[in-house]
Amino acid sequence: MSSFSIRGHLVDIHLHRIYFAEVKIVDEKITTIKAVKPDEVEEKNAGYILPGLIDSHVHIESSLLIPAEFARLAVVHGTIATISDPHEIANVCGMEGVHFMIDNGKTVPFKFHFGAPSCVPATNFETAGATLDAAAVEQLLQRNEIIYLSEMMNFPGVLQKDEEVMKKLAAAKRLGKPIDGHAPGLRGQEAKEYIEAGISTDHECFTKEEALDKLQYGMKIIIREGSAAKNFEALIDLLNDYPDRIMFCSDDKHPDSLLLGHINQLCARAVAKGIDLFKILKAACLNPVLHYKLDIGLLREGDPADCIVVKDLTHFEVLQTYIDGRLVAENGQSKIITQPSALLNNFSCTAKTVADFEIPAEDTSAPFPIIEALDGQLITNRLSLPLKINNGKYVSDTKNDILKIVVVNRYKNVPIAKAFIRNFGLQKGAIASSVAHDSHNIVAVGVDDESMCEAVNLVIANQGGLSACSPDREMVLALPVAGLMNNRDGYRIAADYTALDKMSKEELGARLASPFMTLSFMALLVIPHLKLSDKGLFNGDTFAFEK
């Protein structure tokens, strides 16, 4: 039996008070919490004891790390649990992928809570590696480790009462498990109907007005601040008026970002906005536990000993992280030890030729639809602009920042889908990735066909990865787990990713804050307005291919 105590300024989010206390932990539980009188030195130097922080919606795969390595980095910032949607690996490897995430997460002291992916494939307008029908989703929901139905991205299917969609929603309701939403831009009567179908959260709001619409109809809003999609500034004021119905999430967090901070950063930013501390901690700690009915301690006697000690209540620098009474991080150092993991993948295409990337300039009479990427957003704009022609072929135009973008089917050899995109800023070379939401085909953007071919072939040769190619050199970060994750040391992967990101900006000219993360969303058809799948240009407003 292990027994020890933590002393410090205890932040009681239930009674809205802060007092100096001693928290006694026996084995995995908090047995007593009592107010004590510290001496002057102890009081001055003591930290603040809080419940552990929770990421209320995240795709672990987007960190490029397997769950065990994600946990190893996240606990340093006081994160003790996640609500994790294994949607990405499910779209590549199906049920086997979901089981991999659950099993790997169990190898470390961290509280992963996985959902049953509701949209595999996300749409019928792209090629995925697997299908999870309503029967498979119900089978997953029956597992104790699966606590909710993951984001229902097919909001048109909900509104049209698609039979398969309705079966998945019904199974979650029957089993008493919450249903997460995903309906960017949906407002008014359609938002009301979507919510009335039983969908309880949304993390896709990008304006305050949209979030207020959904709050009005009873939904809870998860404020997202990830590596690419950043909605904190637009939505954080809602926490003042709706403290019981707001949560925090990252959604997609690349490893370099995870090194710097996690949910603790959102707490610090909210404090800087003048928002009440206890409202902030409700969003970061309490609300997800209540909404998802999690077995996570909230700093009460008898609770699991899931708590953190922070240096102050301004910057939320984490001094210690405890999960079930076990010290898992201290002073910026993770104490989690990971084990070698298994590999699984689904990668069947072969190397491409430069000719595969060419676009004949056949009809030059009409403007060409162009994707406009927006820094810090998943949505894109649809532009109509003239294209540069060279030797009878459409080519990239670096002067006007109109570059070629392609999606290469990773599951079989078929013709490459090609289009053009603005705002990446590359002046030479190309970048490519097999992380391409939601089906995770290979997406690449570049200045010339030779560089694009080289970047794509590097990804294919490694059976998944991120690559950057210039006329002078090439770099690749292999992702052998489903073409989405690397199973090596998380800190090493973060360093490798940082080097790749640096090359894309300093050598190739990319000017987006997170070019690889933004690239990964350019094939995400369920987010408006214009995206590219392996089957062609897709209009997210009409939910149909461009003609």
Protein backbone atom coordinates (compact mmCIF):
# COMPACT_ATOMS: atom_id res chain seq x y z
CA MET A 1 0.00 0.00 0.00
CA SER A 2 1.37 3.42 -0.96
CA SER A 3 0.51 6.51 1.03
CA PHE A 4 1.66 10.12 0.68
CA SER A 5 0.39 13.68 0.91
CA ILE A 6 0.45 16.79 -1.27
CA ARG A 7 0.39 20.23 0.34
CA GLY A 8 -0.44 23.46 -1.41
CA HIS A 9 -3.14 25.97 -2.30
CA LEU A 10 -6.12 23.78 -3.16
CA VAL A 11 -8.50 25.12 -5.82
CA ASP A 12 -11.95 23.76 -4.99
CA ILE A 13 -14.01 24.09 -8.18
CA HIS A 14 -17.12 22.77 -6.42
CA LEU A 15 -17.28 25.39 -3.67
CA HIS A 16 -15.44 28.14 -5.59
CA ARG A 17 -12.75 28.69 -3.00
CA ILE A 18 -8.98 28.46 -2.66
CA TYR A 19 -7.34 27.48 0.61
CA PHE A 20 -4.13 25.88 1.86
CA ALA A 21 -4.66 22.15 2.29
CA GLU A 22 -3.07 18.75 2.65
CA VAL A 23 -4.35 16.08 0.28
CA LYS A 24 -3.69 12.53 1.47
CA ILE A 25 -3.49 9.83 -1.19
CA VAL A 26 -3.62 6.13 -0.38
CA ASP A 27 -2.99 3.84 -3.34
CA GLU A 28 -5.13 5.30 -6.16
CA LYS A 29 -7.61 7.37 -4.10
CA ILE A 30 -7.80 10.65 -2.25
CA THR A 31 -8.67 9.66 1.30
CA THR A 32 -8.71 13.02 3.07
CA ILE A 33 -8.49 16.71 2.25
CA LYS A 34 -7.99 19.00 5.21
CA ALA A 35 -7.21 22.66 5.62
CA VAL A 36 -3.83 23.25 7.25
CA LYS A 37 -1.88 26.31 8.30
CA PRO A 38 1.45 26.59 6.46
CA ASP A 39 4.43 28.53 7.65
CA GLU A 40 5.32 31.70 5.77
CA VAL A 41 7.98 30.10 3.54
CA GLU A 42 5.83 27.11 2.64
CA GLU A 43 2.86 29.29 1.77
CA LYS A 44 4.97 31.51 -0.47
CA ASN A 45 6.61 28.64 -2.37
CA ALA A 46 3.71 26.21 -2.58
CA GLY A 47 1.94 25.49 -5.83
CA TYR A 48 -1.76 25.28 -6.60
CA ILE A 49 -3.49 21.90 -6.60
CA LEU A 50 -6.10 21.45 -9.36
CA PRO A 51 -8.04 18.60 -10.91
CA GLY A 52 -6.28 17.19 -13.99
CA LEU A 53 -6.95 18.77 -17.40
CA ILE A 54 -8.96 17.04 -20.12
CA ASP A 55 -8.84 17.41 -23.91
CA SER A 56 -12.51 17.01 -24.79
CA HIS A 57 -12.01 16.11 -28.44
CA VAL A 58 -8.79 14.97 -30.06
CA HIS A 59 -7.58 12.68 -32.82
CA ILE A 60 -4.47 11.16 -31.26
CA GLU A 61 -3.31 10.15 -34.75
CA SER A 62 -2.81 13.80 -35.71
CA SER A 63 0.02 14.08 -33.19
CA LEU A 64 1.85 11.57 -35.43
CA LEU A 65 2.36 9.58 -32.22
CA ILE A 66 0.83 6.33 -31.01
CA PRO A 67 -1.37 6.80 -27.89
CA ALA A 68 1.34 5.77 -25.39
CA GLU A 69 3.77 8.38 -26.75
CA PHE A 70 1.05 11.04 -26.91
CA ALA A 71 0.38 10.44 -23.22
CA ARG A 72 4.08 10.70 -22.44
CA LEU A 73 4.20 14.24 -23.85
CA ALA A 74 0.75 15.41 -22.71
CA VAL A 75 1.14 14.67 -18.98
CA VAL A 76 3.96 17.22 -18.78
CA HIS A 77 1.30 19.90 -19.39
CA GLY A 78 -1.18 18.54 -16.85
CA THR A 79 -3.39 16.62 -19.27
CA ILE A 80 -4.57 13.45 -17.57
CA ALA A 81 -7.31 12.34 -19.97
CA THR A 82 -8.67 12.70 -23.49
CA ILE A 83 -11.90 12.12 -25.34
CA SER A 84 -10.30 10.49 -28.36
CA ASP A 85 -11.91 9.83 -31.72
CA PRO A 86 -10.02 7.03 -33.57
CA HIS A 87 -11.71 8.08 -36.77
CA GLU A 88 -8.46 8.55 -38.69
CA ILE A 89 -7.01 5.07 -38.19
CA ALA A 90 -10.47 3.55 -38.63
CA ASN A 91 -10.69 5.07 -42.11
CA VAL A 92 -7.41 3.32 -42.95
CA CYS A 93 -7.55 0.03 -41.03
CA GLY A 94 -11.15 -0.35 -39.85
CA MET A 95 -11.95 -2.20 -36.62
CA GLU A 96 -8.37 -3.42 -36.31
CA GLY A 97 -7.22 0.18 -36.14
CA VAL A 98 -9.66 1.06 -33.34
CA HIS A 99 -8.55 -1.98 -31.36
CA PHE A 100 -4.91 -0.94 -31.83
CA MET A 101 -5.59 2.48 -30.29
CA ILE A 102 -7.44 1.03 -27.30
CA ASP A 103 -4.83 -1.65 -26.63
CA ASN A 104 -1.87 0.70 -26.99
CA GLY A 105 -3.51 3.30 -24.74
CA LYS A 106 -3.83 0.69 -21.98
CA THR A 107 -0.04 0.26 -21.81
CA VAL A 108 0.48 3.58 -20.01
CA PRO A 109 -0.98 5.35 -16.95
CA PHE A 110 -3.24 7.77 -18.81
CA LYS A 111 -7.02 7.97 -19.14
CA PHE A 112 -7.89 7.59 -22.82
CA HIS A 113 -11.61 7.49 -23.62
CA PHE A 114 -12.24 6.33 -27.16
CA GLY A 115 -15.35 6.70 -29.29
CA ALA A 116 -16.91 4.59 -32.00
CA PRO A 117 -16.18 6.33 -35.34
CA SER A 118 -19.50 7.26 -36.90
CA CYS A 119 -18.34 8.11 -40.42
CA VAL A 120 -16.08 5.47 -41.98
CA PRO A 121 -15.81 6.34 -44.78
CA ALA A 122 -16.54 10.00 -44.09
CA THR A 123 -18.24 10.37 -47.49
CA ASN A 124 -18.81 8.32 -50.61
CA PHE A 125 -16.89 10.90 -52.64
CA GLU A 126 -13.43 9.58 -51.73
CA THR A 127 -11.63 6.26 -51.41
CA ALA A 128 -11.03 5.04 -47.86
CA GLY A 129 -9.37 1.89 -46.60
CA ALA A 130 -12.31 0.54 -44.61
CA THR A 131 -16.03 0.71 -43.91
CA LEU A 132 -17.76 0.59 -40.53
CA ASP A 133 -21.48 0.07 -41.04
CA ALA A 134 -24.16 0.46 -38.39
CA ALA A 135 -23.69 -3.12 -37.17
CA ALA A 136 -19.94 -2.59 -36.70
CA VAL A 137 -20.52 0.72 -34.92
CA GLU A 138 -23.00 -0.91 -32.54
CA GLN A 139 -20.49 -3.69 -31.87
CA LEU A 140 -17.93 -1.08 -30.88
CA LEU A 141 -20.41 0.85 -28.74
CA GLN A 142 -21.07 -2.29 -26.72
CA ARG A 143 -17.44 -2.28 -25.52
CA ASN A 144 -16.84 -0.66 -22.13
CA GLU A 145 -13.79 1.14 -23.49
CA ILE A 146 -15.96 2.93 -26.07
CA ILE A 147 -17.77 5.68 -24.21
CA TYR A 148 -19.47 7.67 -26.97
CA LEU A 149 -20.37 7.86 -30.67
CA SER A 150 -17.70 9.98 -32.32
CA GLU A 151 -18.40 13.12 -34.30
CA MET A 152 -21.30 12.69 -36.71
CA MET A 153 -19.82 14.50 -39.69
CA ASN A 154 -22.53 13.38 -42.06
CA PHE A 155 -24.93 16.14 -41.06
CA PRO A 156 -26.70 15.97 -44.45
CA GLY A 157 -27.38 12.30 -43.65
CA VAL A 158 -28.83 13.29 -40.28
CA LEU A 159 -31.09 15.94 -41.83
CA GLN A 160 -32.19 13.58 -44.60
CA LYS A 161 -32.68 10.74 -42.09
CA ASP A 162 -30.33 8.38 -43.92
CA GLU A 163 -31.08 4.83 -42.77
CA GLU A 164 -27.50 3.89 -41.82
CA VAL A 165 -26.96 7.18 -39.98
CA MET A 166 -30.20 6.77 -38.04
CA LYS A 167 -29.21 3.23 -37.00
CA LYS A 168 -25.89 4.48 -35.60
CA LEU A 169 -27.60 7.28 -33.66
CA ALA A 170 -30.23 4.87 -32.35
CA ALA A 171 -27.59 2.40 -31.15
CA ALA A 172 -25.79 5.12 -29.16
CA LYS A 173 -29.05 6.27 -27.58
CA ARG A 174 -30.08 2.72 -26.75
CA LEU A 175 -26.75 2.07 -25.04
CA GLY A 176 -26.85 5.40 -23.20
CA LYS A 177 -23.71 6.84 -24.79
CA PRO A 178 -23.34 10.51 -25.80
CA ILE A 179 -23.17 11.51 -29.47
CA ASP A 180 -20.60 14.04 -30.63
CA GLY A 181 -21.37 16.46 -33.44
CA HIS A 182 -19.55 18.00 -36.38
CA ALA A 183 -21.58 20.50 -38.35
CA PRO A 184 -19.52 23.54 -39.42
CA GLY A 185 -21.67 26.50 -40.41
CA LEU A 186 -24.97 24.77 -39.65
CA ARG A 187 -27.48 27.23 -38.21
CA GLY A 188 -31.16 27.92 -37.72
CA GLN A 189 -33.75 25.23 -38.32
CA GLU A 190 -31.22 22.79 -39.73
CA ALA A 191 -29.05 23.11 -36.63
CA LYS A 192 -32.15 22.55 -34.50
CA GLU A 193 -33.06 19.35 -36.38
CA TYR A 194 -29.48 18.09 -36.20
CA ILE A 195 -29.37 18.61 -32.42
CA GLU A 196 -32.83 17.11 -31.91
CA ALA A 197 -31.51 13.89 -33.48
CA GLY A 198 -29.60 13.42 -30.21
CA ILE A 199 -26.31 15.11 -31.03
CA SER A 200 -24.95 16.85 -27.97
CA THR A 201 -21.68 18.65 -28.81
CA ASP A 202 -19.93 20.51 -31.61
CA HIS A 203 -16.27 21.53 -31.88
CA GLU A 204 -16.55 23.01 -35.39
CA CYS A 205 -18.06 26.44 -34.70
CA PHE A 206 -15.94 29.19 -36.21
CA THR A 207 -18.11 32.18 -35.31
CA LYS A 208 -19.74 33.24 -32.05
CA GLU A 209 -23.08 33.59 -33.81
CA GLU A 210 -23.00 29.98 -34.98
CA ALA A 211 -22.12 28.75 -31.49
CA LEU A 212 -24.94 30.82 -29.94
CA ASP A 213 -27.38 29.26 -32.40
CA LYS A 214 -26.37 25.78 -31.30
CA LEU A 215 -26.31 26.68 -27.60
CA GLN A 216 -29.86 28.00 -27.97
CA TYR A 217 -31.01 24.56 -29.11
CA GLY A 218 -29.35 22.77 -26.20
CA MET A 219 -25.96 21.79 -27.59
CA LYS A 220 -22.65 22.03 -25.72
CA ILE A 221 -19.80 23.83 -27.47
CA ILE A 222 -16.21 22.62 -27.41
CA ILE A 223 -13.76 25.45 -28.04
CA ARG A 224 -11.00 24.20 -30.31
CA GLU A 225 -7.43 25.42 -30.52
CA GLY A 226 -5.27 22.99 -32.47
CA SER A 227 -2.23 23.23 -34.70
CA ALA A 228 -4.27 24.34 -37.73
CA ALA A 229 -7.84 25.12 -36.64
CA LYS A 230 -7.91 27.93 -34.09
CA ASN A 231 -11.30 29.12 -32.80
CA PHE A 232 -10.38 30.23 -29.27
CA GLU A 233 -10.44 33.96 -29.97
CA ALA A 234 -13.80 33.79 -31.74
CA LEU A 235 -15.54 31.74 -29.05
CA ILE A 236 -13.90 32.22 -25.64
CA ASP A 237 -16.24 35.03 -24.53
CA LEU A 238 -19.06 32.46 -24.49
CA LEU A 239 -17.52 30.97 -21.35
CA ASN A 240 -18.65 34.04 -19.39
CA ASP A 241 -22.32 33.31 -20.00
CA TYR A 242 -22.35 29.52 -20.54
CA PRO A 243 -19.82 28.10 -18.03
CA ASP A 244 -21.69 24.79 -17.68
CA ARG A 245 -21.87 24.13 -21.42
CA ILE A 246 -18.35 24.86 -22.69
CA MET A 247 -15.35 22.53 -22.95
CA PHE A 248 -11.83 22.83 -24.39
CA CYS A 249 -10.19 20.70 -27.05
CA SER A 250 -7.29 20.60 -29.49
CA ASP A 251 -8.90 18.32 -32.12
CA ASP A 252 -5.64 17.98 -34.06
CA LYS A 253 -2.28 18.68 -32.41
CA HIS A 254 1.04 18.17 -34.17
CA PRO A 255 3.97 16.99 -32.01
CA ASP A 256 5.87 20.29 -32.08
CA SER A 257 2.79 22.06 -30.70
CA LEU A 258 2.31 19.36 -28.06
CA LEU A 259 5.84 19.93 -26.81
CA LEU A 260 4.95 23.54 -26.00
CA GLY A 261 1.66 23.03 -24.21
CA HIS A 262 -1.84 21.65 -24.30
CA ILE A 263 -5.07 22.51 -22.48
CA ASN A 264 -3.04 24.43 -19.88
CA GLN A 265 -2.31 27.02 -22.58
CA LEU A 266 -6.03 27.64 -23.08
CA CYS A 267 -6.47 28.10 -19.33
CA ALA A 268 -3.70 30.70 -19.28
CA ARG A 269 -5.13 32.55 -22.26
CA ALA A 270 -8.63 32.56 -20.75
CA VAL A 271 -7.27 34.01 -17.47
CA ALA A 272 -5.52 36.72 -19.51
CA LYS A 273 -8.93 37.58 -20.99
CA GLY A 274 -10.24 38.26 -17.49
CA ILE A 275 -12.54 35.23 -17.36
CA ASP A 276 -13.35 33.86 -13.92
CA LEU A 277 -10.95 31.08 -12.88
CA PHE A 278 -13.68 28.70 -11.77
CA LYS A 279 -15.51 29.03 -15.08
CA ILE A 280 -12.24 28.21 -16.86
CA LEU A 281 -11.66 25.13 -14.74
CA LYS A 282 -15.21 23.96 -15.37
CA ALA A 283 -14.42 23.89 -19.09
CA ALA A 284 -11.00 22.32 -18.63
CA CYS A 285 -11.77 19.76 -15.90
CA LEU A 286 -15.36 19.43 -14.68
CA ASN A 287 -17.69 19.67 -17.70
CA PRO A 288 -16.15 16.81 -19.72
CA VAL A 289 -16.30 14.50 -16.68
CA LEU A 290 -19.99 15.24 -16.21
CA HIS A 291 -20.94 15.14 -19.88
CA TYR A 292 -19.16 11.90 -20.74
CA LYS A 293 -19.63 10.30 -17.28
CA LEU A 294 -15.90 9.73 -16.84
CA ASP A 295 -14.26 7.88 -13.97
CA ILE A 296 -11.90 10.77 -13.31
CA GLY A 297 -11.19 12.40 -10.00
CA LEU A 298 -12.28 15.98 -9.36
CA LEU A 299 -10.26 16.62 -6.21
CA ARG A 300 -12.75 15.33 -3.65
CA GLU A 301 -12.39 12.79 -0.87
CA GLY A 302 -12.95 9.30 -2.27
CA ASP A 303 -12.12 10.35 -5.84
CA PRO A 304 -9.38 8.80 -7.95
CA ALA A 305 -6.21 10.79 -7.30
CA ASP A 306 -6.13 12.57 -10.67
CA CYS A 307 -4.70 15.99 -9.99
CA ILE A 308 -1.99 18.44 -10.93
CA VAL A 309 0.11 21.05 -9.18
CA VAL A 310 0.74 24.29 -11.07
CA LYS A 311 3.18 27.05 -10.22
CA ASP A 312 0.55 29.80 -10.39
CA LEU A 313 -2.95 30.50 -11.68
CA THR A 314 -1.74 32.83 -14.40
CA HIS A 315 0.59 30.81 -16.63
CA PHE A 316 -0.46 27.29 -15.53
CA GLU A 317 3.08 25.96 -15.64
CA VAL A 318 2.69 22.38 -14.44
CA LEU A 319 4.98 21.21 -11.62
CA GLN A 320 3.48 17.75 -11.05
CA THR A 321 0.87 15.51 -12.65
CA TYR A 322 -0.74 12.59 -10.81
CA ILE A 323 -2.97 9.93 -12.39
CA ASP A 324 -4.59 7.41 -10.02
CA GLY A 325 -2.12 8.50 -7.37
CA ARG A 326 0.90 7.88 -9.57
CA LEU A 327 3.36 10.71 -10.29
CA VAL A 328 3.57 10.70 -14.10
CA ALA A 329 5.31 14.04 -14.70
CA GLU A 330 7.38 16.46 -12.64
CA ASN A 331 9.07 19.76 -13.47
CA GLY A 332 8.70 19.36 -17.23
CA GLN A 333 9.88 15.75 -17.31
CA SER A 334 7.60 12.84 -18.17
CA LYS A 335 7.88 9.75 -16.01
CA ILE A 336 5.87 7.53 -18.36
CA ILE A 337 7.87 4.66 -19.80
CA THR A 338 6.56 3.21 -23.07
CA GLN A 339 7.04 -0.23 -24.62
CA PRO A 340 7.67 -1.21 -28.28
CA SER A 341 4.40 -1.40 -30.18
CA ALA A 342 3.04 -3.48 -33.01
CA LEU A 343 2.71 -2.08 -36.55
CA LEU A 344 -0.28 -2.16 -38.86
CA ASN A 345 -0.85 -0.47 -42.19
CA ASN A 346 -2.88 -0.40 -45.38
CA PHE A 347 -0.81 0.92 -48.26
CA SER A 348 -1.01 -0.53 -51.77
CA CYS A 349 -0.09 2.04 -54.43
CA THR A 350 3.20 2.04 -56.35
CA ALA A 351 5.64 4.79 -57.36
CA LYS A 352 4.44 7.51 -59.75
CA THR A 353 6.03 9.19 -62.76
CA VAL A 354 6.34 12.90 -63.52
CA ALA A 355 3.85 12.52 -66.38
CA ASP A 356 1.21 11.40 -63.84
CA PHE A 357 1.18 14.94 -62.41
CA GLU A 358 0.69 16.88 -65.67
CA ILE A 359 -2.57 18.73 -66.44
CA PRO A 360 -3.29 19.38 -70.14
CA ALA A 361 -4.70 22.87 -70.79
CA GLU A 362 -7.66 21.73 -72.86
CA ASP A 363 -10.46 24.22 -72.12
CA THR A 364 -9.11 27.69 -71.39
CA SER A 365 -12.37 29.57 -71.98
CA ALA A 366 -13.66 29.41 -68.40
CA PRO A 367 -11.96 30.37 -65.12
CA PHE A 368 -10.58 27.44 -63.18
CA PRO A 369 -11.96 26.76 -59.65
CA ILE A 370 -9.14 27.25 -57.14
CA ILE A 371 -8.95 26.29 -53.45
CA GLU A 372 -8.00 29.17 -51.17
CA ALA A 373 -6.42 27.86 -47.97
CA LEU A 374 -6.98 30.01 -44.87
CA ASP A 375 -4.35 30.10 -42.15
CA GLY A 376 -5.72 28.82 -38.84
CA GLN A 377 -8.95 27.47 -40.37
CA LEU A 378 -10.22 24.21 -41.83
CA ILE A 379 -12.68 25.96 -44.12
CA THR A 380 -11.46 27.11 -47.52
CA ASN A 381 -12.72 29.57 -50.08
CA ARG A 382 -13.58 28.86 -53.71
CA LEU A 383 -11.88 31.21 -56.16
CA SER A 384 -12.16 31.44 -59.94
CA LEU A 385 -8.91 32.66 -61.46
CA PRO A 386 -6.96 32.24 -64.69
CA LEU A 387 -4.14 29.69 -64.63
CA LYS A 388 -0.64 29.82 -66.01
CA ILE A 389 -0.06 27.71 -69.12
CA ASN A 390 3.33 26.43 -70.26
CA ASN A 391 3.83 24.13 -73.28
CA GLY A 392 0.13 23.35 -73.43
CA LYS A 393 -0.14 22.39 -69.76
CA TYR A 394 -1.48 24.12 -66.66
CA VAL A 395 1.40 24.79 -64.25
CA SER A 396 2.00 26.40 -60.87
CA ASP A 397 2.26 30.18 -60.76
CA THR A 398 4.55 31.20 -57.88
CA LYS A 399 4.21 34.89 -58.70
CA ASN A 400 0.49 34.78 -57.92
CA ASP A 401 0.86 31.99 -55.34
CA ILE A 402 -1.30 29.54 -57.29
CA LEU A 403 0.23 26.09 -56.86
CA LYS A 404 -0.68 22.63 -58.05
CA ILE A 405 -2.24 20.30 -55.50
CA VAL A 406 -2.80 16.58 -56.00
CA VAL A 407 -4.40 13.68 -54.14
CA VAL A 408 -2.96 10.24 -54.84
CA ASN A 409 -5.02 7.15 -53.98
CA ARG A 410 -2.93 5.14 -51.50
CA TYR A 411 -5.09 2.01 -51.64
CA LYS A 412 -4.85 1.23 -55.36
CA ASN A 413 -3.25 2.50 -58.55
CA VAL A 414 -5.63 4.91 -60.27
CA PRO A 415 -5.15 8.31 -62.02
CA ILE A 416 -4.09 11.17 -59.75
CA ALA A 417 -6.63 13.90 -58.87
CA LYS A 418 -5.21 17.37 -59.62
CA ALA A 419 -6.23 20.95 -58.92
CA PHE A 420 -4.79 24.30 -57.84
CA ILE A 421 -4.54 26.04 -54.48
CA ARG A 422 -3.63 29.47 -53.16
CA ASN A 423 -1.86 30.73 -50.00
CA PHE A 424 0.76 28.03 -49.40
CA GLY A 425 3.47 30.38 -50.64
CA LEU A 426 5.99 27.81 -51.83
CA GLN A 427 8.64 29.28 -54.11
CA LYS A 428 10.31 25.98 -54.94
CA GLY A 429 9.97 22.27 -54.32
CA ALA A 430 7.00 20.40 -52.86
CA ILE A 431 5.59 18.90 -49.67
CA ALA A 432 3.51 15.72 -49.36
CA SER A 433 1.68 13.80 -46.66
CA SER A 434 -0.23 10.56 -46.14
CA VAL A 435 -2.08 12.31 -43.31
CA ALA A 436 -4.97 13.63 -45.38
CA HIS A 437 -8.31 13.76 -43.61
CA ASP A 438 -10.45 11.78 -43.71
CA SER A 439 -9.47 8.89 -45.96
CA HIS A 440 -5.73 9.52 -45.72
CA ASN A 441 -4.74 9.26 -49.31
CA ILE A 442 -1.54 11.11 -50.22
CA VAL A 443 -1.90 14.88 -50.63
CA ALA A 444 0.85 17.07 -52.06
CA VAL A 445 1.35 20.69 -53.10
CA GLY A 446 4.27 21.99 -55.11
CA VAL A 447 5.89 24.30 -57.59
CA ASP A 448 6.81 21.75 -60.28
CA ASP A 449 5.83 18.24 -61.28
CA GLU A 450 9.30 16.81 -60.71
CA SER A 451 9.38 17.92 -57.07
CA MET A 452 5.81 16.77 -56.47
CA CYS A 453 6.57 13.36 -57.93
CA GLU A 454 9.66 13.05 -55.74
CA ALA A 455 7.78 14.09 -52.59
CA VAL A 456 4.92 11.66 -53.25
CA ASN A 457 7.28 8.79 -54.04
CA LEU A 458 9.13 9.36 -50.77
CA VAL A 459 5.83 8.88 -48.93
CA ILE A 460 5.04 5.75 -50.96
CA ALA A 461 8.51 4.27 -50.40
CA ASN A 462 8.05 4.64 -46.63
CA GLN A 463 4.47 3.28 -46.71
CA GLY A 464 3.34 6.59 -45.27
CA GLY A 465 4.90 9.78 -43.99
CA LEU A 466 5.48 13.50 -44.42
CA SER A 467 8.04 14.70 -46.96
CA ALA A 468 9.61 17.87 -48.29
CA CYS A 469 11.69 18.15 -51.46
CA SER A 470 13.75 21.00 -52.86
CA PRO A 471 16.12 20.98 -55.82
CA ASP A 472 18.96 20.52 -53.32
CA ARG A 473 17.71 17.95 -50.82
CA GLU A 474 14.84 15.85 -49.53
CA MET A 475 13.53 15.02 -46.07
CA VAL A 476 10.95 12.48 -44.90
CA LEU A 477 9.36 11.58 -41.57
CA ALA A 478 8.16 7.98 -41.89
CA LEU A 479 4.75 7.06 -40.44
CA PRO A 480 4.69 3.25 -40.49
CA VAL A 481 1.59 2.89 -38.28
CA ALA A 482 -1.31 3.21 -40.74
CA GLY A 483 0.59 5.93 -42.59
CA LEU A 484 -0.50 8.19 -39.72
CA MET A 485 1.80 7.61 -36.76
CA ASN A 486 5.34 6.72 -35.84
CA ASN A 487 5.90 4.31 -32.94
CA ARG A 488 9.31 5.67 -31.93
CA ASP A 489 10.15 8.08 -29.09
CA GLY A 490 7.69 10.97 -29.12
CA TYR A 491 10.28 13.62 -28.36
CA ARG A 492 12.40 12.41 -31.29
CA ILE A 493 9.39 12.54 -33.61
CA ALA A 494 8.62 16.07 -32.43
CA ALA A 495 12.20 17.11 -33.24
CA ASP A 496 12.06 15.47 -36.68
CA TYR A 497 8.75 17.14 -37.43
CA THR A 498 10.12 20.53 -36.32
CA ALA A 499 13.03 20.11 -38.76
CA LEU A 500 10.64 19.21 -41.58
CA ASP A 501 8.39 22.17 -40.81
CA LYS A 502 11.45 24.45 -40.75
CA MET A 503 12.58 23.18 -44.16
CA SER A 504 9.14 23.79 -45.68
CA LYS A 505 9.21 27.41 -44.50
CA GLU A 506 12.85 28.48 -44.72
CA GLU A 507 13.91 26.56 -47.83
CA LEU A 508 10.68 26.15 -49.78
CA GLY A 509 8.91 29.37 -48.74
CA ALA A 510 5.74 28.06 -47.07
CA ARG A 511 4.14 30.90 -45.15
CA LEU A 512 1.31 29.16 -43.32
CA ALA A 513 1.75 28.73 -39.57
CA SER A 514 1.42 24.95 -39.91
CA PRO A 515 1.76 24.00 -43.59
CA PHE A 516 1.64 20.22 -43.11
CA MET A 517 -1.40 20.38 -40.84
CA THR A 518 -3.19 22.72 -43.25
CA LEU A 519 -2.25 20.44 -46.17
CA SER A 520 -3.78 17.47 -44.35
CA PHE A 521 -7.19 19.20 -44.33
CA MET A 522 -7.30 20.08 -48.01
CA ALA A 523 -8.87 16.69 -48.70
CA LEU A 524 -11.44 17.02 -45.89
CA LEU A 525 -14.65 17.11 -47.91
CA VAL A 526 -17.05 17.60 -44.99
CA ILE A 527 -15.65 21.09 -44.34
CA PRO A 528 -16.69 23.78 -46.85
CA HIS A 529 -16.10 25.24 -49.33
CA LEU A 530 -13.79 23.61 -51.90
CA LYS A 531 -11.59 20.56 -51.33
CA LEU A 532 -9.87 17.85 -53.38
CA SER A 533 -10.46 14.12 -53.00
CA ASP A 534 -8.76 11.31 -54.89
CA LYS A 535 -11.81 11.43 -57.19
CA GLY A 536 -11.73 15.15 -57.99
CA LEU A 537 -12.59 18.69 -56.87
CA PHE A 538 -15.45 18.70 -54.39
CA ASN A 539 -17.82 21.53 -53.50
CA GLY A 540 -18.73 21.36 -49.81
CA ASP A 541 -21.71 23.66 -50.24
CA THR A 542 -23.50 21.61 -52.89
CA PHE A 543 -21.97 18.38 -51.54
CA ALA A 544 -21.10 17.35 -55.08
CA PHE A 545 -18.13 17.31 -57.41
CA GLU A 546 -17.29 20.44 -59.36
CA LYS A 547 -18.50 20.23 -62.94
